[in-house]
Amino acid sequence: MSAVVINTQKLKAQTQLKFSNAAANYAHNAQVQQQSSQQLFEFVQSHPTGICLDLGSGPGVNCDMLRTYFPHVIAMDLSFNMLSTFEQGIEVTRCCADMDSLPFQSSSLEAVFSNFASQWSSDFSSLINELYRVLKPGGRVYLTNVLSGSLDEIRMAWQAIDSEPHINEFLSVEHFYAIAEQSAFNVKHLDHQVHQQYFVRPIDALRSIKAIGANTKLSHASSGLMGKQQYQNLLQAYPATDRGCAVSYHVGYMVLEK
């Protein structure tokens, strides 16, 4: 039996490049991410002296709001370009680092906020354990994760073209819940919801995930280039409804306390 060995560092570099290329227009295109962050903020508790880590901060779209809850915010992202696009006046500490190798001392943070980022971890369970390590007692994690069922419209369109996996494999809802419940944290909230964004044309739906850097396939895939006719076939295969061409995200919500 043969096996495919995935070079994690190479995949991380590919992900970093995709998000760096999307940095300039990320805030404008990340509409579903804005919806999920608004819901996640409903759980955030203020801390008058605390440090909050915005894990996978992107261009800092949540930092202003986080500063209303915490006096000190650390914006951390794998992409330096994302961090360099911060608007002037946002008073945060920026840190370019990998979430799978957190550069923080144990028991040094009061909170971790992470929206639409933790699905890029190579080991979500280990990430949760690391968040437990860096948080102080009583510290909280406020997190969303993209779950199985996300981007299914795009997956269905690709299935009409070839048998290659073109969409990332996401955690199931059950696995997402189990990781929280089996961690050392006290689980304060677990939930999952479906967020959808609609587009007039299939090409706009496909471009939407590229515009936010989310089109990296974190596994083995064909490296062949797509021809013009194949691309047209992909567009024709994209499922459409009366409302237009949907891009669906199944989003898991998690609030944990140390």
Protein backbone atom coordinates (compact mmCIF):
# COMPACT_ATOMS: atom_id res chain seq x y z
CA MET A 1 0.00 0.00 0.00
CA SER A 2 1.40 3.40 -0.97
CA ALA A 3 1.04 6.54 1.10
CA VAL A 4 1.20 10.24 0.35
CA VAL A 5 3.59 12.11 2.63
CA ILE A 6 2.54 15.72 3.12
CA ASN A 7 5.30 18.28 3.66
CA THR A 8 3.78 20.40 6.43
CA GLN A 9 6.29 23.23 6.09
CA LYS A 10 5.66 23.45 2.33
CA LEU A 11 1.91 23.58 2.90
CA LYS A 12 2.33 26.27 5.55
CA ALA A 13 4.37 28.30 3.07
CA GLN A 14 1.66 27.89 0.42
CA THR A 15 -0.99 29.02 2.89
CA GLN A 16 1.11 32.00 3.93
CA LEU A 17 1.54 33.01 0.28
CA LYS A 18 -2.18 32.74 -0.50
CA PHE A 19 -3.16 34.91 2.47
CA SER A 20 -0.37 37.39 1.74
CA ASN A 21 -1.68 37.80 -1.80
CA ALA A 22 -5.20 38.34 -0.45
CA ALA A 23 -4.17 40.81 2.25
CA ALA A 24 -5.07 44.06 0.47
CA ASN A 25 -8.71 43.12 -0.18
CA TYR A 26 -9.38 40.71 2.69
CA ALA A 27 -11.42 43.03 4.89
CA HIS A 28 -13.69 43.97 1.97
CA ASN A 29 -14.38 40.38 0.90
CA ALA A 30 -14.62 38.53 4.23
CA GLN A 31 -18.36 39.06 4.77
CA VAL A 32 -19.15 35.69 6.38
CA GLN A 33 -16.14 36.12 8.65
CA GLN A 34 -17.58 39.44 9.79
CA GLN A 35 -20.89 37.76 10.60
CA SER A 36 -19.24 35.05 12.70
CA SER A 37 -17.02 37.52 14.56
CA GLN A 38 -20.06 39.59 15.53
CA GLN A 39 -21.68 36.50 17.03
CA LEU A 40 -18.46 35.47 18.76
CA PHE A 41 -18.15 38.89 20.39
CA GLU A 42 -21.47 38.27 22.16
CA PHE A 43 -19.58 35.87 24.46
CA VAL A 44 -16.52 38.02 25.16
CA GLN A 45 -16.07 39.25 28.73
CA SER A 46 -14.16 42.43 29.52
CA HIS A 47 -10.90 42.31 31.48
CA PRO A 48 -9.62 45.67 32.79
CA THR A 49 -5.95 44.60 32.93
CA GLY A 50 -5.84 41.65 30.55
CA ILE A 51 -3.88 40.67 27.47
CA CYS A 52 -5.87 39.16 24.60
CA LEU A 53 -4.32 37.26 21.71
CA ASP A 54 -6.10 37.68 18.37
CA LEU A 55 -5.00 34.37 16.85
CA GLY A 56 -4.99 34.45 13.06
CA SER A 57 -5.83 38.13 13.14
CA GLY A 58 -5.49 38.76 9.41
CA PRO A 59 -5.46 42.52 8.75
CA GLY A 60 -6.75 43.29 12.24
CA VAL A 61 -10.45 43.57 11.46
CA ASN A 62 -11.37 42.56 15.03
CA CYS A 63 -8.66 44.42 16.91
CA ASP A 64 -10.54 47.69 17.43
CA MET A 65 -13.44 45.84 19.02
CA LEU A 66 -11.10 43.70 21.13
CA ARG A 67 -9.47 46.88 22.45
CA THR A 68 -12.83 47.83 23.98
CA TYR A 69 -12.64 44.65 26.09
CA PHE A 70 -8.89 44.39 26.77
CA PRO A 71 -6.25 47.10 27.29
CA HIS A 72 -3.60 45.09 25.44
CA VAL A 73 -4.21 43.09 22.24
CA ILE A 74 -1.62 40.98 20.42
CA ALA A 75 -2.47 40.45 16.75
CA MET A 76 -0.79 37.28 15.52
CA ASP A 77 -0.84 35.97 11.96
CA LEU A 78 1.22 33.69 9.74
CA SER A 79 1.22 36.33 6.99
CA PHE A 80 3.41 39.39 7.44
CA ASN A 81 1.48 41.09 4.62
CA MET A 82 -1.76 40.71 6.56
CA LEU A 83 -0.19 42.34 9.61
CA SER A 84 1.29 45.15 7.51
CA THR A 85 -2.14 46.22 6.19
CA PHE A 86 -3.40 47.39 9.61
CA GLU A 87 -5.16 50.72 9.55
CA GLN A 88 -3.35 53.56 11.25
CA GLY A 89 -4.45 54.17 14.81
CA ILE A 90 -5.01 50.53 15.78
CA GLU A 91 -3.02 50.22 19.00
CA VAL A 92 -1.97 46.58 19.12
CA THR A 93 1.19 44.51 19.24
CA ARG A 94 1.74 42.63 15.99
CA CYS A 95 3.35 39.20 15.95
CA CYS A 96 4.13 37.18 12.80
CA ALA A 97 4.13 33.54 13.91
CA ASP A 98 2.63 30.09 13.34
CA MET A 99 -0.33 29.07 15.49
CA ASP A 100 1.14 25.56 15.68
CA SER A 101 4.19 27.00 17.45
CA LEU A 102 2.93 29.67 19.84
CA PRO A 103 5.74 32.00 21.00
CA PHE A 104 4.22 32.78 24.40
CA GLN A 105 5.11 31.83 27.95
CA SER A 106 2.82 29.60 29.96
CA SER A 107 0.03 31.35 31.87
CA SER A 108 0.74 34.69 30.20
CA LEU A 109 -2.60 35.61 28.56
CA GLU A 110 -6.09 36.41 29.82
CA ALA A 111 -7.92 35.56 26.59
CA VAL A 112 -7.55 34.17 23.08
CA PHE A 113 -9.89 35.31 20.32
CA SER A 114 -9.73 33.43 17.02
CA ASN A 115 -12.23 33.83 14.19
CA PHE A 116 -12.05 31.80 10.97
CA ALA A 117 -8.41 30.84 11.55
CA SER A 118 -8.02 27.69 13.65
CA GLN A 119 -9.00 25.40 10.75
CA TRP A 120 -5.53 26.15 9.34
CA SER A 121 -3.86 24.44 12.30
CA SER A 122 -2.20 21.16 11.35
CA ASP A 123 -3.49 19.65 14.63
CA PHE A 124 -6.52 21.37 16.16
CA SER A 125 -6.48 19.19 19.29
CA SER A 126 -2.85 20.11 20.00
CA LEU A 127 -3.67 23.76 19.37
CA ILE A 128 -6.38 23.66 22.04
CA ASN A 129 -3.88 22.11 24.46
CA GLU A 130 -1.42 24.90 23.67
CA LEU A 131 -4.06 27.54 24.28
CA TYR A 132 -4.64 25.99 27.69
CA ARG A 133 -0.91 26.29 28.39
CA VAL A 134 -0.59 29.98 27.49
CA LEU A 135 -3.75 31.11 29.32
CA LYS A 136 -3.84 32.15 32.95
CA PRO A 137 -6.30 30.41 35.30
CA GLY A 138 -9.73 31.81 34.52
CA GLY A 139 -8.60 32.77 31.02
CA ARG A 140 -10.94 32.14 28.11
CA VAL A 141 -10.82 30.99 24.50
CA TYR A 142 -13.34 32.51 22.07
CA LEU A 143 -13.02 30.60 18.82
CA THR A 144 -14.68 29.71 15.55
CA ASN A 145 -13.64 26.91 13.21
CA VAL A 146 -14.74 26.04 9.67
CA LEU A 147 -16.37 22.59 9.77
CA SER A 148 -17.27 19.77 7.42
CA GLY A 149 -19.91 20.75 4.88
CA SER A 150 -18.26 24.08 4.16
CA LEU A 151 -17.72 24.98 0.49
CA ASP A 152 -19.81 21.99 -0.57
CA GLU A 153 -21.13 23.89 -3.60
CA ILE A 154 -17.58 24.26 -4.87
CA ARG A 155 -16.84 20.62 -4.06
CA MET A 156 -19.90 19.52 -6.05
CA ALA A 157 -18.86 21.59 -9.06
CA TRP A 158 -15.39 20.05 -9.04
CA GLN A 159 -16.82 16.54 -8.91
CA ALA A 160 -18.23 17.12 -12.39
CA ILE A 161 -14.68 17.77 -13.63
CA ASP A 162 -12.45 15.15 -12.00
CA SER A 163 -12.05 12.94 -8.94
CA GLU A 164 -9.27 14.97 -7.31
CA PRO A 165 -9.92 16.54 -3.87
CA HIS A 166 -9.92 20.30 -4.47
CA ILE A 167 -11.46 21.44 -1.18
CA ASN A 168 -9.87 21.11 2.24
CA GLU A 169 -11.11 18.41 4.58
CA PHE A 170 -12.60 20.12 7.62
CA LEU A 171 -13.36 18.78 11.10
CA SER A 172 -16.77 17.22 11.60
CA VAL A 173 -19.12 18.86 14.09
CA GLU A 174 -18.80 15.76 16.30
CA HIS A 175 -15.00 15.91 16.29
CA PHE A 176 -15.04 19.65 16.99
CA TYR A 177 -17.28 19.10 20.02
CA ALA A 178 -15.26 16.10 21.22
CA ILE A 179 -11.98 18.02 21.18
CA ALA A 180 -13.50 20.70 23.40
CA GLU A 181 -15.12 18.22 25.78
CA GLN A 182 -11.99 16.08 26.09
CA SER A 183 -9.69 19.04 26.73
CA ALA A 184 -8.61 20.31 30.15
CA PHE A 185 -10.85 23.36 29.71
CA ASN A 186 -14.28 23.96 31.18
CA VAL A 187 -16.65 24.18 28.22
CA LYS A 188 -18.79 27.32 28.44
CA HIS A 189 -20.40 27.17 25.00
CA LEU A 190 -20.47 24.92 21.91
CA ASP A 191 -22.58 25.58 18.85
CA HIS A 192 -22.50 25.37 15.07
CA GLN A 193 -24.29 27.39 12.41
CA VAL A 194 -24.43 27.62 8.62
CA HIS A 195 -23.53 30.97 7.07
CA GLN A 196 -24.12 31.55 3.37
CA GLN A 197 -23.05 34.21 0.94
CA TYR A 198 -24.79 34.48 -2.45
CA PHE A 199 -23.38 35.60 -5.78
CA VAL A 200 -25.00 36.35 -9.14
CA ARG A 201 -22.46 34.31 -11.13
CA PRO A 202 -20.54 31.09 -10.40
CA ILE A 203 -17.29 32.84 -11.27
CA ASP A 204 -17.92 35.36 -8.48
CA ALA A 205 -18.56 32.56 -6.00
CA LEU A 206 -15.26 30.90 -6.93
CA ARG A 207 -13.41 34.19 -6.78
CA SER A 208 -14.78 34.88 -3.30
CA ILE A 209 -12.69 32.20 -1.63
CA LYS A 210 -9.59 33.25 -3.57
CA ALA A 211 -10.18 36.84 -2.47
CA ILE A 212 -9.80 35.83 1.18
CA GLY A 213 -6.91 33.41 0.57
CA ALA A 214 -9.02 30.36 1.40
CA ASN A 215 -8.36 28.36 -1.75
CA THR A 216 -5.34 26.41 -0.50
CA LYS A 217 -5.79 22.65 -0.57
CA LEU A 218 -3.91 21.29 2.45
CA SER A 219 -3.27 17.83 1.04
CA HIS A 220 -1.98 16.05 -1.99
CA ALA A 221 -3.59 17.25 -5.20
CA SER A 222 -2.96 17.34 -8.91
CA SER A 223 -0.56 20.06 -9.96
CA GLY A 224 -1.88 20.23 -13.51
CA LEU A 225 -3.13 23.54 -14.85
CA MET A 226 -6.79 23.91 -15.75
CA GLY A 227 -7.66 24.52 -19.38
CA LYS A 228 -10.18 27.09 -20.56
CA GLN A 229 -12.80 24.48 -21.47
CA GLN A 230 -12.36 22.68 -18.16
CA TYR A 231 -12.90 25.96 -16.32
CA GLN A 232 -16.07 26.63 -18.31
CA ASN A 233 -17.29 23.15 -17.39
CA LEU A 234 -16.60 23.94 -13.74
CA LEU A 235 -18.68 27.12 -13.94
CA GLN A 236 -21.54 25.29 -15.65
CA ALA A 237 -21.51 22.59 -12.97
CA TYR A 238 -21.79 25.08 -10.10
CA PRO A 239 -25.15 24.58 -8.33
CA ALA A 240 -27.49 27.56 -8.54
CA THR A 241 -30.72 28.49 -6.75
CA ASP A 242 -33.32 31.21 -7.12
CA ARG A 243 -31.20 33.33 -4.79
CA GLY A 244 -28.05 32.84 -6.85
CA CYS A 245 -24.85 30.87 -6.40
CA ALA A 246 -24.19 30.16 -2.73
CA VAL A 247 -20.95 29.65 -0.87
CA SER A 248 -21.74 27.89 2.41
CA TYR A 249 -19.66 27.85 5.57
CA HIS A 250 -20.48 25.50 8.45
CA VAL A 251 -19.04 27.34 11.44
CA GLY A 252 -18.36 25.91 14.88
CA TYR A 253 -18.42 28.24 17.90
CA MET A 254 -16.40 27.40 21.01
CA VAL A 255 -15.98 29.21 24.34
CA LEU A 256 -13.63 27.57 26.85
CA GLU A 257 -12.37 28.58 30.29
CA LYS A 258 -9.20 27.48 32.06
